[in-house]
Protein backbone atom coordinates (compact mmCIF):
# COMPACT_ATOMS: atom_id res chain seq x y z
CA MET A 1 11.72 10.87 31.77
CA LYS A 2 10.32 7.87 30.51
CA LYS A 3 10.32 7.56 26.18
CA GLN A 4 6.20 6.71 26.41
CA THR A 5 6.02 9.92 28.48
CA LEU A 6 8.20 11.68 25.72
CA LEU A 7 5.88 10.53 22.96
CA LYS A 8 2.88 11.21 24.42
CA ILE A 9 3.79 14.91 24.89
CA GLY A 10 5.51 15.10 21.14
CA ILE A 11 1.96 13.55 19.68
CA LEU A 12 -0.26 16.50 22.22
CA GLY A 13 2.79 19.06 20.71
CA LEU A 14 2.19 18.35 16.64
CA ILE A 15 -1.44 18.09 17.26
CA VAL A 16 -1.42 21.75 19.01
CA LEU A 17 1.48 22.99 16.16
CA ILE A 18 -0.87 21.82 13.65
CA ILE A 19 -4.01 23.43 15.25
CA VAL A 20 -2.06 26.81 15.65
CA GLY A 21 -0.22 26.46 12.03
CA ILE A 22 -4.21 26.63 10.23
CA LYS A 23 -5.51 29.02 12.67
CA TYR A 24 -2.74 31.48 11.81
CA SER A 25 -2.49 30.76 8.19
CA GLY A 26 -5.25 33.26 7.33
CA LEU A 27 -7.71 30.01 6.59
CA ASP A 28 -11.07 31.35 7.54
CA LEU A 29 -12.67 27.98 8.95
CA SER A 30 -16.14 29.57 9.37
CA LYS A 31 -16.03 29.67 5.44
CA ILE A 32 -15.34 26.01 4.34
CA SER A 33 -18.64 24.66 2.79
CA PRO A 34 -18.90 21.59 0.58
CA ASP A 35 -19.16 23.85 -2.16
CA LYS A 36 -15.85 25.97 -1.76
CA ILE A 37 -14.17 22.59 -1.08
CA GLU A 38 -15.47 20.89 -4.26
CA GLU A 39 -14.50 24.38 -6.00
CA TYR A 40 -11.27 24.30 -4.76
CA ILE A 41 -10.23 20.55 -5.73
CA LYS A 42 -11.28 20.91 -9.12
CA SER A 43 -9.38 24.08 -8.99
CA LEU A 44 -5.89 22.09 -8.46
CA GLY A 45 -6.33 19.55 -11.36
CA ILE A 46 -4.20 16.64 -11.10
CA TRP A 47 -3.02 17.87 -7.61
CA GLY A 48 -6.79 17.55 -6.12
CA PRO A 49 -6.78 14.11 -5.16
CA ILE A 50 -3.56 14.46 -2.97
CA ALA A 51 -5.03 17.58 -1.53
CA TYR A 52 -8.20 16.14 -0.98
CA MET A 53 -6.79 12.78 0.79
CA ILE A 54 -4.49 15.47 2.76
CA PHE A 55 -7.34 17.27 3.66
CA TYR A 56 -9.23 14.26 4.77
CA MET A 57 -6.18 13.41 7.20
CA VAL A 58 -6.27 16.22 9.08
CA ARG A 59 -10.47 16.77 8.74
CA PRO A 60 -10.90 15.87 12.73
CA LEU A 61 -8.65 19.10 13.92
CA ILE A 62 -11.36 21.26 12.32
CA LEU A 63 -14.21 19.11 12.98
CA PHE A 64 -15.13 18.66 9.33
CA PRO A 65 -17.96 15.80 9.17
CA ALA A 66 -16.58 12.48 7.69
CA GLY A 67 -19.54 11.38 6.17
CA LEU A 68 -20.21 14.97 4.50
CA LEU A 69 -16.57 14.71 3.10
CA THR A 70 -17.37 11.50 1.58
CA ALA A 71 -20.23 12.35 -0.01
CA ILE A 72 -18.37 15.42 -1.54
CA GLY A 73 -15.32 12.95 -2.68
CA GLY A 74 -18.01 11.30 -4.62
CA ALA A 75 -19.59 13.86 -6.37
CA VAL A 76 -16.09 15.83 -7.54
CA PHE A 77 -14.41 12.43 -8.25
CA GLY A 78 -17.26 9.70 -9.03
CA PRO A 79 -18.43 6.73 -6.62
CA VAL A 80 -15.02 4.48 -8.09
CA LEU A 81 -12.32 7.09 -7.87
CA GLY A 82 -13.86 8.83 -5.00
CA THR A 83 -13.85 5.94 -3.17
CA ALA A 84 -10.21 4.98 -3.53
CA PHE A 85 -9.03 8.38 -2.40
CA THR A 86 -11.55 8.78 0.48
CA VAL A 87 -10.42 5.04 1.69
CA VAL A 88 -6.83 6.10 1.62
CA GLY A 89 -7.38 9.59 3.57
CA ALA A 90 -9.49 7.79 5.74
CA THR A 91 -7.36 5.24 6.73
CA GLY A 92 -4.51 7.62 7.32
CA CYS A 93 -7.06 9.64 9.34
CA ALA A 94 -7.73 6.74 11.64
CA MET A 95 -4.34 5.89 11.92
CA TRP A 96 -3.13 8.79 14.06
CA GLU A 97 -6.38 9.25 15.94
CA PHE A 98 -5.61 5.34 16.82
CA LEU A 99 -1.65 6.32 18.09
CA VAL A 100 -3.15 9.26 19.93
CA ALA A 101 -5.62 7.41 21.99
CA ARG A 102 -3.15 4.36 22.41
CA TYR A 103 -0.30 6.21 23.54
CA VAL A 104 -2.12 9.21 25.28
CA GLY A 105 -5.54 8.18 26.60
CA ARG A 106 -5.42 4.14 27.15
CA ASP A 107 -3.28 4.27 30.70
CA TRP A 108 -6.31 6.54 31.73
CA ALA A 109 -8.88 4.72 30.43
CA MET A 110 -7.82 1.51 31.88
CA LYS A 111 -7.72 2.90 35.24
CA LYS A 112 -11.07 4.50 34.97
CA PHE A 113 -13.07 1.65 32.89
CA GLY A 114 -10.93 -0.96 32.85
CA LYS A 115 -13.20 -3.83 32.92
CA HIS A 116 -15.14 -3.03 30.36
CA ILE A 117 -12.22 -2.27 28.43
CA SER A 118 -10.83 -5.71 29.13
CA LYS A 119 -14.40 -7.32 27.94
CA ILE A 120 -13.68 -5.65 24.77
CA ASP A 121 -10.24 -6.88 24.81
CA ASP A 122 -11.31 -10.24 25.18
CA HIS A 123 -13.77 -10.41 22.34
CA LEU A 124 -11.10 -8.62 20.39
CA ASP A 125 -8.39 -11.44 20.85
CA LYS A 126 -11.06 -13.91 20.14
CA HIS A 127 -12.51 -12.81 16.80
CA GLY A 128 -9.40 -9.89 15.48
CA ILE A 129 -10.04 -8.66 12.27
CA TRP A 130 -13.61 -10.05 11.48
CA THR A 131 -14.69 -7.96 14.26
CA LEU A 132 -12.96 -4.75 13.16
CA LEU A 133 -14.22 -5.66 9.68
CA LEU A 134 -17.94 -5.70 10.97
CA ILE A 135 -17.60 -2.33 13.11
CA ARG A 136 -16.18 -0.81 10.01
CA PHE A 137 -18.84 -1.99 7.83
CA ILE A 138 -21.25 0.57 8.74
CA PRO A 139 -20.17 2.50 11.44
CA ASN A 140 -22.71 2.82 14.74
CA LEU A 141 -20.70 5.54 16.01
CA PRO A 142 -18.85 8.81 14.41
CA TYR A 143 -16.06 7.81 12.39
CA ASP A 144 -13.57 9.76 14.66
CA VAL A 145 -15.07 8.37 18.11
CA GLN A 146 -15.05 5.01 16.63
CA ASN A 147 -11.19 5.68 15.99
CA TYR A 148 -10.43 6.90 19.28
CA CYS A 149 -12.10 4.05 21.02
CA LEU A 150 -10.52 1.41 19.06
CA GLY A 151 -7.08 3.02 20.32
CA LEU A 152 -8.13 2.41 23.72
CA THR A 153 -8.36 -1.44 23.23
CA LYS A 154 -4.99 -3.42 22.87
CA ILE A 155 -6.02 -4.55 19.39
CA LYS A 156 -2.88 -4.52 17.31
CA PHE A 157 -1.84 -1.21 15.20
CA PRO A 158 -1.53 -3.57 11.73
CA VAL A 159 -4.76 -5.55 12.25
CA TYR A 160 -6.27 -2.04 13.05
CA SER A 161 -4.78 -0.57 10.03
CA ILE A 162 -5.68 -3.37 7.36
CA GLY A 163 -9.16 -4.09 9.21
CA THR A 164 -9.98 -0.32 8.73
CA PHE A 165 -8.82 -0.12 5.24
CA PHE A 166 -10.75 -2.87 3.62
CA GLY A 167 -13.84 -2.74 6.29
CA ILE A 168 -14.46 0.84 5.06
CA ILE A 169 -14.86 0.32 1.65
CA PRO A 170 -18.39 -1.03 0.99
CA GLY A 171 -19.57 1.90 3.61
CA THR A 172 -17.27 4.25 1.85
CA PHE A 173 -18.55 3.19 -2.01
CA ALA A 174 -22.33 3.85 -1.03
CA PHE A 175 -22.01 7.30 0.17
CA CYS A 176 -19.45 8.47 -2.77
CA TYR A 177 -22.16 7.02 -5.04
CA LEU A 178 -24.72 8.93 -2.96
CA GLY A 179 -22.62 12.15 -3.21
CA ARG A 180 -22.44 11.77 -7.16
CA SER A 181 -26.04 10.99 -7.50
CA LEU A 182 -27.07 13.80 -5.55
CA PHE A 183 -24.67 16.20 -7.29
CA GLU A 184 -26.25 15.14 -11.14
CA GLY A 185 -29.77 15.03 -9.27
CA ASN A 186 -30.64 11.81 -10.87
CA VAL A 187 -33.68 10.79 -8.32
CA GLY A 188 -32.91 6.83 -9.68
CA LYS A 189 -29.25 6.90 -8.52
CA ILE A 190 -30.03 8.58 -5.61
CA LEU A 191 -32.60 6.09 -4.85
CA ILE A 192 -30.03 2.97 -5.36
CA ALA A 193 -27.44 4.79 -3.32
CA VAL A 194 -29.87 4.99 -0.28
CA LEU A 195 -31.13 1.16 -0.59
CA ILE A 196 -27.42 0.42 -0.84
CA ILE A 197 -26.77 1.91 2.39
CA ALA A 198 -29.79 0.47 3.94
CA GLY A 199 -28.72 -2.82 2.50
CA LEU A 200 -25.47 -2.44 3.92
CA ILE A 201 -27.16 -1.74 7.57
CA LEU A 202 -29.14 -4.54 7.40
CA PHE A 203 -26.65 -6.76 6.39
CA GLN A 204 -24.62 -5.72 9.31
CA ARG A 205 -27.53 -6.24 11.90
CA TRP A 206 -28.33 -9.65 10.54
CA TYR A 207 -24.70 -10.87 10.93
CA LYS A 208 -24.63 -9.21 14.48
CA LYS A 209 -27.64 -11.26 15.26
CA LYS A 210 -26.49 -14.41 13.49
CA LYS A 211 -22.87 -14.69 15.17
CA GLY A 212 -24.51 -13.45 18.31
CA ALA A 213 -26.89 -16.59 17.97
CA LYS A 214 -23.98 -18.84 17.17
CA GLU A 215 -21.54 -17.69 20.07
CA ALA A 216 -24.79 -18.01 22.32
CA ALA A 217 -25.33 -21.79 21.02
CA THR A 218 -21.58 -22.55 21.55
CA GLU A 219 -21.32 -21.21 25.10
CA GLY A 220 -24.46 -22.89 26.14
CA ALA A 221 -22.53 -26.23 24.78
CA SER A 222 -19.58 -25.74 26.52
CA LEU A 223 -21.92 -25.07 29.67
CA HIS A 224 -23.49 -28.22 29.60
CA GLU A 225 -20.61 -30.36 28.49
CA GLN A 226 -19.06 -29.08 32.00
CA HIS A 227 -22.24 -29.65 33.65
CA THR A 228 -22.27 -33.22 32.57
CA GLN A 229 -18.42 -33.65 33.50
CA ASN A 230 -19.14 -32.38 36.91
CA GLU A 231 -21.91 -34.93 37.21
CA LYS A 232 -19.91 -37.83 36.08
CA GLU A 233 -17.23 -36.68 38.66
CA GLU A 234 -19.57 -36.45 41.23
CA HIS A 235 -20.91 -39.96 40.58
CA LYS A 236 -17.48 -41.66 40.57
CA SER A 237 -16.82 -40.11 43.88
């Protein structure tokens, strides 16, 4: 049996074991709520941040929303520490989801959607980490879906990991700040948090539009130059 096949089986087996372990651990997933998580984290004292980061990493296995957990992190630890702990946990989560998609799903995806994925691969080859940073700035897709989709591309794992770590910091801070503001019930801070999130979204859209226009202009200039060159060759002949 090929090493890649064994790796796929190993990854799937590990996920199944984790899910089964959670199921038979006596943990009632139906009773998991933001209040319960917050209460549990606070009860752990100095071990709270470690428990929070580990929970963030395994969160997809119980389908707990990333945005909600980020807000809880901000409420419990504050915007600065909440951002730091969340970025570590979210990056760890993104890394294993990427590897699952890369080694389990990419071959199948290439057979089904090869042309579309190849276009994305070409774009990532040209712009690399800058494209990833823009994607991570304010996700347009759910975080887990984004991780799996990026795993189906051929972006290199180190680039993906570094880009994810730094790219999610602004959005994470915004949601942590919102979570803390909601916890305090401070209307002014809640408004500031909403404005920060709105500002990040507008900046992302502005940058994408600007970059798209620049790429279009570059492509147009290239086509014009090629057309001019063809005309010169025709006159010579």
